[in-house]
Amino acid sequence: MIYKNLSQLKERHEEIMSSYNGTLPFYKRGLFHCFVRCLLFVLWCFIWFESGNRYLKLDYVYYDMGDTRLLIVPMLISVAGFFIIKPYKIWTQRTYFGKIEKIEKQNAILIEKNEKGAKVIIKRMHMVMYDGMNTLTIRKKNGRLAKKKVPNLASFDRLYDLDSSVSVINGLRFPAPMNKGVIPQNMCLCTKCGSFESNERTRCSMCFTTLWYK
């Protein structure tokens, strides 16, 4: 079935989320991992600041409250923890659904539609460095555009195409295609590594993650 209007897309998204939430326990979901990152960041800051406070209270330690190092060092520690633990993912990794409007592939090719609605391939002229990631530009239900980086794999073109709809779920590397026709018959998609697995399996044979998109 091809889902076209908003009500159909919303219903299909809710069906996908129901399967996701019903199969995976809370501690395996992306939202839980984001909360853990935030808690670890708070714990990181608390441990470092408490250690620094105890050090400054030692009898043989002398310091000047006007010393800029008392401000710079805690800031550097906080910034280091921010980029190591990545608590910001609670804002950058969201759950939503929408239609793919553009596909930017790692070989410097941009696929989009022209003013007549025809699919065109535009090669960009400038040189860039790629890390094996393709970028999907997705039009969400509120009309806003969102970009989702997806690892490049052999079945990428089968899973994602212009005007196809996907559910982007917090913490998952691969968006779930709303049209199950893109998945081979009697197979399911591993949304962690992108491999196709038999419906009879409960775990992926490649990465051993729990299979839920069936």
C-alpha atoms as a PDB file:
ATOM      1  CA  MET A   1       0.000   0.000   0.000  1.00  0.00           C
ATOM      2  CA  ILE A   2       1.203   3.502  -0.885  1.00  0.00           C
ATOM      3  CA  TYR A   3       0.393   6.081   1.798  1.00  0.00           C
ATOM      4  CA  LYS A   4      -0.354   9.485   0.310  1.00  0.00           C
ATOM      5  CA  ASN A   5      -2.513  11.810   2.410  1.00  0.00           C
ATOM      6  CA  LEU A   6      -1.640  13.054   5.893  1.00  0.00           C
ATOM      7  CA  SER A   7      -4.199  10.906   7.729  1.00  0.00           C
ATOM      8  CA  GLN A   8      -2.862   7.742   6.087  1.00  0.00           C
ATOM      9  CA  LEU A   9       0.720   8.728   6.842  1.00  0.00           C
ATOM     10  CA  LYS A  10      -0.131   9.486  10.464  1.00  0.00           C
ATOM     11  CA  GLU A  11      -1.961   6.187  10.854  1.00  0.00           C
ATOM     12  CA  ARG A  12       0.938   4.266   9.342  1.00  0.00           C
ATOM     13  CA  HIS A  13       3.441   6.131  11.550  1.00  0.00           C
ATOM     14  CA  GLU A  14       1.427   5.232  14.634  1.00  0.00           C
ATOM     15  CA  GLU A  15       1.355   1.604  13.483  1.00  0.00           C
ATOM     16  CA  ILE A  16       5.148   1.618  13.101  1.00  0.00           C
ATOM     17  CA  MET A  17       5.625   3.245  16.511  1.00  0.00           C
ATOM     18  CA  SER A  18       3.269   0.710  18.083  1.00  0.00           C
ATOM     19  CA  SER A  19       5.394  -2.128  16.703  1.00  0.00           C
ATOM     20  CA  TYR A  20       8.582  -0.379  17.858  1.00  0.00           C
ATOM     21  CA  ASN A  21       7.333   0.303  21.395  1.00  0.00           C
ATOM     22  CA  GLY A  22       5.655  -3.090  21.680  1.00  0.00           C
ATOM     23  CA  THR A  23       8.751  -5.055  20.646  1.00  0.00           C
ATOM     24  CA  LEU A  24      11.588  -3.126  22.269  1.00  0.00           C
ATOM     25  CA  PRO A  25      11.682  -2.576  26.043  1.00  0.00           C
ATOM     26  CA  PHE A  26      12.125   1.023  27.171  1.00  0.00           C
ATOM     27  CA  TYR A  27      15.807   0.590  28.019  1.00  0.00           C
ATOM     28  CA  LYS A  28      16.557  -0.317  24.385  1.00  0.00           C
ATOM     29  CA  ARG A  29      14.845   2.706  22.837  1.00  0.00           C
ATOM     30  CA  GLY A  30      16.559   5.840  21.614  1.00  0.00           C
ATOM     31  CA  LEU A  31      14.723   8.134  24.024  1.00  0.00           C
ATOM     32  CA  PHE A  32      16.017   6.175  27.024  1.00  0.00           C
ATOM     33  CA  HIS A  33      19.579   6.426  25.706  1.00  0.00           C
ATOM     34  CA  CYS A  34      19.203  10.198  25.375  1.00  0.00           C
ATOM     35  CA  PHE A  35      18.052  10.483  29.003  1.00  0.00           C
ATOM     36  CA  VAL A  36      21.027   8.366  30.084  1.00  0.00           C
ATOM     37  CA  ARG A  37      23.368  10.718  28.197  1.00  0.00           C
ATOM     38  CA  CYS A  38      21.896  13.704  30.050  1.00  0.00           C
ATOM     39  CA  LEU A  39      22.234  11.975  33.421  1.00  0.00           C
ATOM     40  CA  LEU A  40      25.826  10.990  32.668  1.00  0.00           C
ATOM     41  CA  PHE A  41      26.641  14.573  31.699  1.00  0.00           C
ATOM     42  CA  VAL A  42      25.171  15.877  34.970  1.00  0.00           C
ATOM     43  CA  LEU A  43      27.137  13.212  36.858  1.00  0.00           C
ATOM     44  CA  TRP A  44      30.310  14.153  34.944  1.00  0.00           C
ATOM     45  CA  CYS A  45      29.972  17.811  35.929  1.00  0.00           C
ATOM     46  CA  PHE A  46      29.068  16.984  39.545  1.00  0.00           C
ATOM     47  CA  ILE A  47      32.068  14.675  40.057  1.00  0.00           C
ATOM     48  CA  TRP A  48      34.561  17.116  38.555  1.00  0.00           C
ATOM     49  CA  PHE A  49      33.168  20.182  40.346  1.00  0.00           C
ATOM     50  CA  GLU A  50      32.872  18.358  43.671  1.00  0.00           C
ATOM     51  CA  SER A  51      36.455  17.117  43.318  1.00  0.00           C
ATOM     52  CA  GLY A  52      37.636  20.642  42.532  1.00  0.00           C
ATOM     53  CA  ASN A  53      35.707  22.077  45.474  1.00  0.00           C
ATOM     54  CA  ARG A  54      37.226  19.566  47.871  1.00  0.00           C
ATOM     55  CA  TYR A  55      40.699  20.296  46.535  1.00  0.00           C
ATOM     56  CA  LEU A  56      40.313  24.031  47.040  1.00  0.00           C
ATOM     57  CA  LYS A  57      39.177  23.462  50.649  1.00  0.00           C
ATOM     58  CA  LEU A  58      42.413  21.727  51.604  1.00  0.00           C
ATOM     59  CA  ASP A  59      44.461  23.665  54.168  1.00  0.00           C
ATOM     60  CA  TYR A  60      47.618  23.761  52.072  1.00  0.00           C
ATOM     61  CA  VAL A  61      45.894  24.995  48.892  1.00  0.00           C
ATOM     62  CA  TYR A  62      45.921  28.737  48.298  1.00  0.00           C
ATOM     63  CA  TYR A  63      43.950  30.373  45.527  1.00  0.00           C
ATOM     64  CA  ASP A  64      42.803  33.805  44.515  1.00  0.00           C
ATOM     65  CA  MET A  65      39.103  34.249  43.722  1.00  0.00           C
ATOM     66  CA  GLY A  66      40.138  36.649  40.959  1.00  0.00           C
ATOM     67  CA  ASP A  67      42.175  33.954  39.190  1.00  0.00           C
ATOM     68  CA  THR A  68      40.613  33.382  35.755  1.00  0.00           C
ATOM     69  CA  ARG A  69      41.634  29.715  35.865  1.00  0.00           C
ATOM     70  CA  LEU A  70      38.839  29.130  38.393  1.00  0.00           C
ATOM     71  CA  LEU A  71      36.408  29.972  35.578  1.00  0.00           C
ATOM     72  CA  ILE A  72      38.261  28.627  32.539  1.00  0.00           C
ATOM     73  CA  VAL A  73      39.015  25.129  33.903  1.00  0.00           C
ATOM     74  CA  PRO A  74      35.378  24.281  34.846  1.00  0.00           C
ATOM     75  CA  MET A  75      34.232  25.579  31.456  1.00  0.00           C
ATOM     76  CA  LEU A  76      36.763  23.381  29.628  1.00  0.00           C
ATOM     77  CA  ILE A  77      35.699  20.361  31.685  1.00  0.00           C
ATOM     78  CA  SER A  78      32.023  21.021  30.912  1.00  0.00           C
ATOM     79  CA  VAL A  79      32.686  21.469  27.191  1.00  0.00           C
ATOM     80  CA  ALA A  80      34.771  18.281  27.097  1.00  0.00           C
ATOM     81  CA  GLY A  81      31.971  16.327  28.775  1.00  0.00           C
ATOM     82  CA  PHE A  82      29.411  17.870  26.423  1.00  0.00           C
ATOM     83  CA  PHE A  83      31.208  16.535  23.343  1.00  0.00           C
ATOM     84  CA  ILE A  84      32.269  13.209  24.877  1.00  0.00           C
ATOM     85  CA  ILE A  85      28.887  12.199  26.316  1.00  0.00           C
ATOM     86  CA  LYS A  86      26.770  14.120  23.748  1.00  0.00           C
ATOM     87  CA  PRO A  87      23.708  15.026  25.860  1.00  0.00           C
ATOM     88  CA  TYR A  88      22.576  17.340  23.030  1.00  0.00           C
ATOM     89  CA  LYS A  89      21.231  14.294  21.181  1.00  0.00           C
ATOM     90  CA  ILE A  90      18.043  14.605  23.224  1.00  0.00           C
ATOM     91  CA  TRP A  91      17.290  17.652  21.014  1.00  0.00           C
ATOM     92  CA  THR A  92      18.874  16.559  17.728  1.00  0.00           C
ATOM     93  CA  GLN A  93      17.435  13.035  17.625  1.00  0.00           C
ATOM     94  CA  ARG A  94      13.677  13.377  17.296  1.00  0.00           C
ATOM     95  CA  THR A  95      10.857  11.064  16.202  1.00  0.00           C
ATOM     96  CA  TYR A  96       8.788  12.235  13.232  1.00  0.00           C
ATOM     97  CA  PHE A  97       7.490  11.177   9.826  1.00  0.00           C
ATOM     98  CA  GLY A  98       7.388  12.754   6.403  1.00  0.00           C
ATOM     99  CA  LYS A  99       8.150  12.523   2.699  1.00  0.00           C
ATOM    100  CA  ILE A 100      11.599  12.514   1.152  1.00  0.00           C
ATOM    101  CA  GLU A 101      12.145  15.603  -1.011  1.00  0.00           C
ATOM    102  CA  LYS A 102      15.868  15.416  -1.712  1.00  0.00           C
ATOM    103  CA  ILE A 103      18.553  12.751  -1.593  1.00  0.00           C
ATOM    104  CA  GLU A 104      22.185  13.787  -1.353  1.00  0.00           C
ATOM    105  CA  LYS A 105      24.397  10.787  -1.998  1.00  0.00           C
ATOM    106  CA  GLN A 106      27.982  10.367  -0.885  1.00  0.00           C
ATOM    107  CA  ASN A 107      29.310  10.445  -4.468  1.00  0.00           C
ATOM    108  CA  ALA A 108      28.461  14.170  -4.729  1.00  0.00           C
ATOM    109  CA  ILE A 109      25.123  13.648  -6.469  1.00  0.00           C
ATOM    110  CA  LEU A 110      22.014  15.539  -5.477  1.00  0.00           C
ATOM    111  CA  ILE A 111      18.661  14.033  -6.509  1.00  0.00           C
ATOM    112  CA  GLU A 112      15.638  16.333  -6.461  1.00  0.00           C
ATOM    113  CA  LYS A 113      12.701  17.440  -8.588  1.00  0.00           C
ATOM    114  CA  ASN A 114      12.664  20.286 -11.108  1.00  0.00           C
ATOM    115  CA  GLU A 115       9.917  22.875 -11.539  1.00  0.00           C
ATOM    116  CA  LYS A 116       7.921  20.415 -13.691  1.00  0.00           C
ATOM    117  CA  GLY A 117       8.017  17.718 -11.041  1.00  0.00           C
ATOM    118  CA  ALA A 118      10.446  15.474 -12.890  1.00  0.00           C
ATOM    119  CA  LYS A 119      13.264  13.774 -10.997  1.00  0.00           C
ATOM    120  CA  VAL A 120      16.648  15.181 -11.946  1.00  0.00           C
ATOM    121  CA  ILE A 121      20.200  14.352 -10.911  1.00  0.00           C
ATOM    122  CA  ILE A 122      22.530  17.306 -10.388  1.00  0.00           C
ATOM    123  CA  LYS A 123      26.263  16.759 -10.012  1.00  0.00           C
ATOM    124  CA  ARG A 124      27.897  19.288  -7.757  1.00  0.00           C
ATOM    125  CA  MET A 125      31.153  20.775  -8.994  1.00  0.00           C
ATOM    126  CA  HIS A 126      33.020  21.446  -5.754  1.00  0.00           C
ATOM    127  CA  MET A 127      35.054  18.792  -4.010  1.00  0.00           C
ATOM    128  CA  VAL A 128      33.957  17.604  -0.580  1.00  0.00           C
ATOM    129  CA  MET A 129      34.962  14.896   1.851  1.00  0.00           C
ATOM    130  CA  TYR A 130      32.479  12.085   2.456  1.00  0.00           C
ATOM    131  CA  ASP A 131      32.271   9.643   5.317  1.00  0.00           C
ATOM    132  CA  GLY A 132      30.004   7.073   3.715  1.00  0.00           C
ATOM    133  CA  MET A 133      26.783   8.827   4.706  1.00  0.00           C
ATOM    134  CA  ASN A 134      23.879   9.836   2.473  1.00  0.00           C
ATOM    135  CA  THR A 135      21.564  12.683   3.464  1.00  0.00           C
ATOM    136  CA  LEU A 136      17.768  12.574   3.207  1.00  0.00           C
ATOM    137  CA  THR A 137      15.830  15.853   3.233  1.00  0.00           C
ATOM    138  CA  ILE A 138      12.407  15.067   4.685  1.00  0.00           C
ATOM    139  CA  ARG A 139       9.305  17.284   4.661  1.00  0.00           C
ATOM    140  CA  LYS A 140       7.611  16.800   8.032  1.00  0.00           C
ATOM    141  CA  LYS A 141       3.859  17.056   8.641  1.00  0.00           C
ATOM    142  CA  ASN A 142       4.219  20.652   9.877  1.00  0.00           C
ATOM    143  CA  GLY A 143       5.840  21.629   6.558  1.00  0.00           C
ATOM    144  CA  ARG A 144       9.342  22.030   7.932  1.00  0.00           C
ATOM    145  CA  LEU A 145      12.336  20.312   6.397  1.00  0.00           C
ATOM    146  CA  ALA A 146      14.580  17.986   8.361  1.00  0.00           C
ATOM    147  CA  LYS A 147      17.818  16.308   7.331  1.00  0.00           C
ATOM    148  CA  LYS A 148      18.617  12.738   8.268  1.00  0.00           C
ATOM    149  CA  LYS A 149      22.020  11.162   7.624  1.00  0.00           C
ATOM    150  CA  VAL A 150      21.775   7.519   6.628  1.00  0.00           C
ATOM    151  CA  PRO A 151      24.718   5.119   6.114  1.00  0.00           C
ATOM    152  CA  ASN A 152      25.294   4.229   2.492  1.00  0.00           C
ATOM    153  CA  LEU A 153      24.560   0.571   1.746  1.00  0.00           C
ATOM    154  CA  ALA A 154      23.743  -1.595  -1.265  1.00  0.00           C
ATOM    155  CA  SER A 155      19.982  -1.544  -0.635  1.00  0.00           C
ATOM    156  CA  PHE A 156      19.784   2.227  -0.066  1.00  0.00           C
ATOM    157  CA  ASP A 157      18.103   2.963  -3.422  1.00  0.00           C
ATOM    158  CA  ARG A 158      15.540   0.244  -2.788  1.00  0.00           C
ATOM    159  CA  LEU A 159      14.622   1.603   0.642  1.00  0.00           C
ATOM    160  CA  TYR A 160      14.572   5.344  -0.054  1.00  0.00           C
ATOM    161  CA  ASP A 161      13.375   7.302  -3.077  1.00  0.00           C
ATOM    162  CA  LEU A 162      11.896  10.734  -3.770  1.00  0.00           C
ATOM    163  CA  ASP A 163       8.305  11.145  -2.545  1.00  0.00           C
ATOM    164  CA  SER A 164       8.520   7.969  -0.468  1.00  0.00           C
ATOM    165  CA  SER A 165       7.477   8.361   3.162  1.00  0.00           C
ATOM    166  CA  VAL A 166       9.508   7.309   6.180  1.00  0.00           C
ATOM    167  CA  SER A 167       9.264   7.246   9.959  1.00  0.00           C
ATOM    168  CA  VAL A 168      12.383   8.644  11.617  1.00  0.00           C
ATOM    169  CA  ILE A 169      12.656   7.214  15.117  1.00  0.00           C
ATOM    170  CA  ASN A 170      14.882   8.596  17.850  1.00  0.00           C
ATOM    171  CA  GLY A 171      18.110   6.626  18.086  1.00  0.00           C
ATOM    172  CA  LEU A 172      17.681   4.489  14.958  1.00  0.00           C
ATOM    173  CA  ARG A 173      20.245   4.751  12.156  1.00  0.00           C
ATOM    174  CA  PHE A 174      17.817   3.796   9.382  1.00  0.00           C
ATOM    175  CA  PRO A 175      14.386   5.434   8.965  1.00  0.00           C
ATOM    176  CA  ALA A 176      11.547   2.921   8.663  1.00  0.00           C
ATOM    177  CA  PRO A 177       9.972   2.996   5.168  1.00  0.00           C
ATOM    178  CA  MET A 178       6.211   3.416   5.426  1.00  0.00           C
ATOM    179  CA  ASN A 179       5.669   1.371   2.291  1.00  0.00           C
ATOM    180  CA  LYS A 180       6.442  -2.218   3.285  1.00  0.00           C
ATOM    181  CA  GLY A 181       6.555  -3.132  -0.400  1.00  0.00           C
ATOM    182  CA  VAL A 182      10.188  -2.027  -0.505  1.00  0.00           C
ATOM    183  CA  ILE A 183      11.081  -4.903   1.829  1.00  0.00           C
ATOM    184  CA  PRO A 184      11.455  -8.326   0.139  1.00  0.00           C
ATOM    185  CA  GLN A 185       8.602 -10.726   0.819  1.00  0.00           C
ATOM    186  CA  ASN A 186       8.878 -12.714   4.063  1.00  0.00           C
ATOM    187  CA  MET A 187      11.774 -10.489   5.136  1.00  0.00           C
ATOM    188  CA  CYS A 188      12.163  -7.700   7.693  1.00  0.00           C
ATOM    189  CA  LEU A 189      14.515  -4.729   7.963  1.00  0.00           C
ATOM    190  CA  CYS A 190      17.107  -4.284  10.685  1.00  0.00           C
ATOM    191  CA  THR A 191      16.935  -0.567  11.467  1.00  0.00           C
ATOM    192  CA  LYS A 192      20.381  -0.642  13.078  1.00  0.00           C
ATOM    193  CA  CYS A 193      22.564  -2.126  10.306  1.00  0.00           C
ATOM    194  CA  GLY A 194      20.163  -2.045   7.335  1.00  0.00           C
ATOM    195  CA  SER A 195      20.277  -5.770   6.537  1.00  0.00           C
ATOM    196  CA  PHE A 196      17.289  -7.836   5.418  1.00  0.00           C
ATOM    197  CA  GLU A 197      16.432 -10.724   7.704  1.00  0.00           C
ATOM    198  CA  SER A 198      13.923 -13.550   7.652  1.00  0.00           C
ATOM    199  CA  ASN A 199      10.614 -12.829   9.395  1.00  0.00           C
ATOM    200  CA  GLU A 200      11.193 -15.906  11.512  1.00  0.00           C
ATOM    201  CA  ARG A 201      14.206 -14.335  13.212  1.00  0.00           C
ATOM    202  CA  THR A 202      13.899 -12.233  16.354  1.00  0.00           C
ATOM    203  CA  ARG A 203      17.469 -10.904  16.219  1.00  0.00           C
ATOM    204  CA  CYS A 204      19.599  -9.648  13.349  1.00  0.00           C
ATOM    205  CA  SER A 205      22.189 -12.149  12.138  1.00  0.00           C
ATOM    206  CA  MET A 206      24.631  -9.286  11.453  1.00  0.00           C
ATOM    207  CA  CYS A 207      24.469  -7.013  14.513  1.00  0.00           C
ATOM    208  CA  PHE A 208      22.293  -9.162  16.867  1.00  0.00           C
ATOM    209  CA  THR A 209      19.889  -6.303  17.599  1.00  0.00           C
ATOM    210  CA  THR A 210      16.191  -7.066  18.215  1.00  0.00           C
ATOM    211  CA  LEU A 211      14.139  -7.065  15.006  1.00  0.00           C
ATOM    212  CA  TRP A 212      10.876  -5.145  15.241  1.00  0.00           C
ATOM    213  CA  TYR A 213      10.027  -3.800  11.745  1.00  0.00           C
ATOM    214  CA  LYS A 214       8.100  -6.762  10.293  1.00  0.00           C
END
